[in-house]
Amino acid sequence: MADIFLIANAAALVYVAKFFGTSLVSRPWKCIAFGFMFITASDVAYSYINWSGGYAAGNVIDMGWNTGYLLIGLAGFYQKELIDSISVKGPNELHEPLGAKDLWFIGALDRPLMAESAVRLQA
């Protein structure tokens, strides 16, 4: 049951992140969502194979869990890259300019940066 809840939230996250296109803002959220999807798919496959008695340690399913965790970790790297690019270059010098819809994603992690960016957008 928890897997259904997790995959629904991951799908909703991908849906919201697609509005940001391929900008730096969308990368961490897409990595988190796809990481959760890999973990969920591995959980479902594990449940089925374990129920049928065919699971052993080192199975291919283990790679799905590891890939999911790797994607979630990669999301942290992309978030750091986003914050560094904004604080070094400023929000107006990114590949794609930040808009008001981008600020709530960034602001959840760095409130002073959000206020500075909001002031720049109003100017």
C-alpha atoms as a PDB file:
ATOM      1  CA  MET A   1       0.000   0.000   0.000  1.00  0.00           C
ATOM      2  CA  ALA A   2       2.841   2.384   0.811  1.00  0.00           C
ATOM      3  CA  ASP A   3       4.341   1.772  -2.640  1.00  0.00           C
ATOM      4  CA  ILE A   4       1.166   3.030  -4.306  1.00  0.00           C
ATOM      5  CA  PHE A   5       1.314   6.202  -2.193  1.00  0.00           C
ATOM      6  CA  LEU A   6       5.000   6.672  -3.050  1.00  0.00           C
ATOM      7  CA  ILE A   7       4.538   6.201  -6.802  1.00  0.00           C
ATOM      8  CA  ALA A   8       1.553   8.584  -6.829  1.00  0.00           C
ATOM      9  CA  ASN A   9       3.587  11.292  -5.129  1.00  0.00           C
ATOM     10  CA  ALA A  10       6.535  10.693  -7.466  1.00  0.00           C
ATOM     11  CA  ALA A  11       4.251  11.000 -10.495  1.00  0.00           C
ATOM     12  CA  ALA A  12       2.806  14.240  -9.109  1.00  0.00           C
ATOM     13  CA  LEU A  13       6.329  15.558  -8.565  1.00  0.00           C
ATOM     14  CA  VAL A  14       7.302  14.773 -12.166  1.00  0.00           C
ATOM     15  CA  TYR A  15       4.130  16.507 -13.345  1.00  0.00           C
ATOM     16  CA  VAL A  16       4.942  19.671 -11.379  1.00  0.00           C
ATOM     17  CA  ALA A  17       8.640  19.609 -12.370  1.00  0.00           C
ATOM     18  CA  LYS A  18       7.811  19.427 -16.068  1.00  0.00           C
ATOM     19  CA  PHE A  19       6.544  23.011 -15.905  1.00  0.00           C
ATOM     20  CA  PHE A  20      10.144  24.096 -15.294  1.00  0.00           C
ATOM     21  CA  GLY A  21      11.365  22.468 -18.506  1.00  0.00           C
ATOM     22  CA  THR A  22      15.040  21.539 -18.495  1.00  0.00           C
ATOM     23  CA  SER A  23      16.134  24.366 -16.209  1.00  0.00           C
ATOM     24  CA  LEU A  24      18.404  23.841 -13.234  1.00  0.00           C
ATOM     25  CA  VAL A  25      15.376  24.115 -10.958  1.00  0.00           C
ATOM     26  CA  SER A  26      13.698  20.985 -12.316  1.00  0.00           C
ATOM     27  CA  ARG A  27      16.704  18.632 -12.193  1.00  0.00           C
ATOM     28  CA  PRO A  28      16.748  17.876  -8.438  1.00  0.00           C
ATOM     29  CA  TRP A  29      13.016  17.276  -8.310  1.00  0.00           C
ATOM     30  CA  LYS A  30      13.050  14.960 -11.311  1.00  0.00           C
ATOM     31  CA  CYS A  31      15.939  12.974  -9.817  1.00  0.00           C
ATOM     32  CA  ILE A  32      14.045  12.552  -6.546  1.00  0.00           C
ATOM     33  CA  ALA A  33      10.893  11.457  -8.362  1.00  0.00           C
ATOM     34  CA  PHE A  34      12.676   8.939 -10.594  1.00  0.00           C
ATOM     35  CA  GLY A  35      14.650   7.685  -7.601  1.00  0.00           C
ATOM     36  CA  PHE A  36      11.387   6.969  -5.779  1.00  0.00           C
ATOM     37  CA  MET A  37      10.046   5.246  -8.887  1.00  0.00           C
ATOM     38  CA  PHE A  38      13.080   2.950  -9.078  1.00  0.00           C
ATOM     39  CA  ILE A  39      12.759   2.103  -5.381  1.00  0.00           C
ATOM     40  CA  THR A  40       9.046   1.426  -5.738  1.00  0.00           C
ATOM     41  CA  ALA A  41       9.518  -0.780  -8.812  1.00  0.00           C
ATOM     42  CA  SER A  42      12.203  -2.725  -6.973  1.00  0.00           C
ATOM     43  CA  ASP A  43       9.924  -3.139  -3.940  1.00  0.00           C
ATOM     44  CA  VAL A  44       7.112  -4.508  -6.087  1.00  0.00           C
ATOM     45  CA  ALA A  45       9.453  -6.853  -7.965  1.00  0.00           C
ATOM     46  CA  TYR A  46      10.985  -8.017  -4.673  1.00  0.00           C
ATOM     47  CA  SER A  47       7.556  -8.735  -3.205  1.00  0.00           C
ATOM     48  CA  TYR A  48       6.575 -10.827  -6.211  1.00  0.00           C
ATOM     49  CA  ILE A  49       9.847 -12.753  -6.488  1.00  0.00           C
ATOM     50  CA  ASN A  50      10.048 -13.307  -2.727  1.00  0.00           C
ATOM     51  CA  TRP A  51       6.448 -14.541  -2.694  1.00  0.00           C
ATOM     52  CA  SER A  52       7.270 -17.043  -5.438  1.00  0.00           C
ATOM     53  CA  GLY A  53      10.388 -18.146  -3.553  1.00  0.00           C
ATOM     54  CA  GLY A  54      12.954 -17.063  -6.128  1.00  0.00           C
ATOM     55  CA  TYR A  55      14.737 -14.204  -4.377  1.00  0.00           C
ATOM     56  CA  ALA A  56      18.370 -14.479  -3.328  1.00  0.00           C
ATOM     57  CA  ALA A  57      20.825 -11.815  -2.217  1.00  0.00           C
ATOM     58  CA  GLY A  58      22.575 -10.141  -5.140  1.00  0.00           C
ATOM     59  CA  ASN A  59      19.557 -10.363  -7.426  1.00  0.00           C
ATOM     60  CA  VAL A  60      19.073  -7.831 -10.252  1.00  0.00           C
ATOM     61  CA  ILE A  61      16.390  -6.165  -8.129  1.00  0.00           C
ATOM     62  CA  ASP A  62      19.107  -4.919  -5.779  1.00  0.00           C
ATOM     63  CA  MET A  63      20.412  -2.722  -8.596  1.00  0.00           C
ATOM     64  CA  GLY A  64      17.016  -1.011  -8.764  1.00  0.00           C
ATOM     65  CA  TRP A  65      17.233   0.013  -5.108  1.00  0.00           C
ATOM     66  CA  ASN A  66      20.808   1.205  -5.553  1.00  0.00           C
ATOM     67  CA  THR A  67      19.855   3.189  -8.660  1.00  0.00           C
ATOM     68  CA  GLY A  68      17.014   4.829  -6.757  1.00  0.00           C
ATOM     69  CA  TYR A  69      19.307   5.834  -3.900  1.00  0.00           C
ATOM     70  CA  LEU A  70      21.897   7.080  -6.397  1.00  0.00           C
ATOM     71  CA  LEU A  71      19.296   9.288  -8.103  1.00  0.00           C
ATOM     72  CA  ILE A  72      18.162  10.731  -4.777  1.00  0.00           C
ATOM     73  CA  GLY A  73      21.788  11.507  -3.918  1.00  0.00           C
ATOM     74  CA  LEU A  74      22.300  13.044  -7.353  1.00  0.00           C
ATOM     75  CA  ALA A  75      19.369  15.350  -6.617  1.00  0.00           C
ATOM     76  CA  GLY A  76      21.365  16.806  -3.736  1.00  0.00           C
ATOM     77  CA  PHE A  77      24.279  17.440  -6.083  1.00  0.00           C
ATOM     78  CA  TYR A  78      22.006  19.216  -8.570  1.00  0.00           C
ATOM     79  CA  GLN A  79      20.462  21.309  -5.784  1.00  0.00           C
ATOM     80  CA  LYS A  80      23.928  22.406  -4.661  1.00  0.00           C
ATOM     81  CA  GLU A  81      24.803  23.244  -8.268  1.00  0.00           C
ATOM     82  CA  LEU A  82      21.638  25.347  -8.509  1.00  0.00           C
ATOM     83  CA  ILE A  83      22.321  27.262  -5.294  1.00  0.00           C
ATOM     84  CA  ASP A  84      25.974  27.830  -6.261  1.00  0.00           C
ATOM     85  CA  SER A  85      25.051  29.093  -9.724  1.00  0.00           C
ATOM     86  CA  ILE A  86      22.564  31.564  -8.281  1.00  0.00           C
ATOM     87  CA  SER A  87      24.864  32.874  -5.561  1.00  0.00           C
ATOM     88  CA  VAL A  88      27.868  33.215  -7.916  1.00  0.00           C
ATOM     89  CA  LYS A  89      26.201  34.358 -11.136  1.00  0.00           C
ATOM     90  CA  GLY A  90      22.965  35.813  -9.844  1.00  0.00           C
ATOM     91  CA  PRO A  91      19.479  34.717 -10.919  1.00  0.00           C
ATOM     92  CA  ASN A  92      19.520  36.811 -14.098  1.00  0.00           C
ATOM     93  CA  GLU A  93      22.584  35.063 -15.551  1.00  0.00           C
ATOM     94  CA  LEU A  94      21.362  31.464 -15.518  1.00  0.00           C
ATOM     95  CA  HIS A  95      20.712  29.530 -18.705  1.00  0.00           C
ATOM     96  CA  GLU A  96      17.042  30.290 -18.282  1.00  0.00           C
ATOM     97  CA  PRO A  97      15.942  33.290 -16.209  1.00  0.00           C
ATOM     98  CA  LEU A  98      14.185  32.477 -12.956  1.00  0.00           C
ATOM     99  CA  GLY A  99      10.565  33.428 -12.679  1.00  0.00           C
ATOM    100  CA  ALA A 100       8.207  33.648  -9.726  1.00  0.00           C
ATOM    101  CA  LYS A 101       7.209  29.994 -10.212  1.00  0.00           C
ATOM    102  CA  ASP A 102      10.854  28.939  -9.672  1.00  0.00           C
ATOM    103  CA  LEU A 103      11.313  30.842  -6.440  1.00  0.00           C
ATOM    104  CA  TRP A 104       9.119  28.697  -4.236  1.00  0.00           C
ATOM    105  CA  PHE A 105      11.241  25.609  -5.053  1.00  0.00           C
ATOM    106  CA  ILE A 106      14.466  27.437  -4.269  1.00  0.00           C
ATOM    107  CA  GLY A 107      13.025  29.318  -1.325  1.00  0.00           C
ATOM    108  CA  ALA A 108      12.122  26.134   0.479  1.00  0.00           C
ATOM    109  CA  LEU A 109      15.849  25.552   0.999  1.00  0.00           C
ATOM    110  CA  ASP A 110      17.282  29.074   1.174  1.00  0.00           C
ATOM    111  CA  ARG A 111      14.945  31.798   2.421  1.00  0.00           C
ATOM    112  CA  PRO A 112      17.448  34.746   2.238  1.00  0.00           C
ATOM    113  CA  LEU A 113      18.241  33.797  -1.366  1.00  0.00           C
ATOM    114  CA  MET A 114      14.534  33.800  -2.183  1.00  0.00           C
ATOM    115  CA  ALA A 115      14.104  37.306  -0.761  1.00  0.00           C
ATOM    116  CA  GLU A 116      17.112  38.590  -2.717  1.00  0.00           C
ATOM    117  CA  SER A 117      15.796  37.029  -5.938  1.00  0.00           C
ATOM    118  CA  ALA A 118      12.308  38.435  -5.367  1.00  0.00           C
ATOM    119  CA  VAL A 119      13.764  41.920  -4.972  1.00  0.00           C
ATOM    120  CA  ARG A 120      15.692  41.501  -8.224  1.00  0.00           C
ATOM    121  CA  LEU A 121      12.564  40.359 -10.050  1.00  0.00           C
ATOM    122  CA  GLN A 122      10.597  43.386  -8.892  1.00  0.00           C
ATOM    123  CA  ALA A 123      13.318  45.817  -9.994  1.00  0.00           C
END
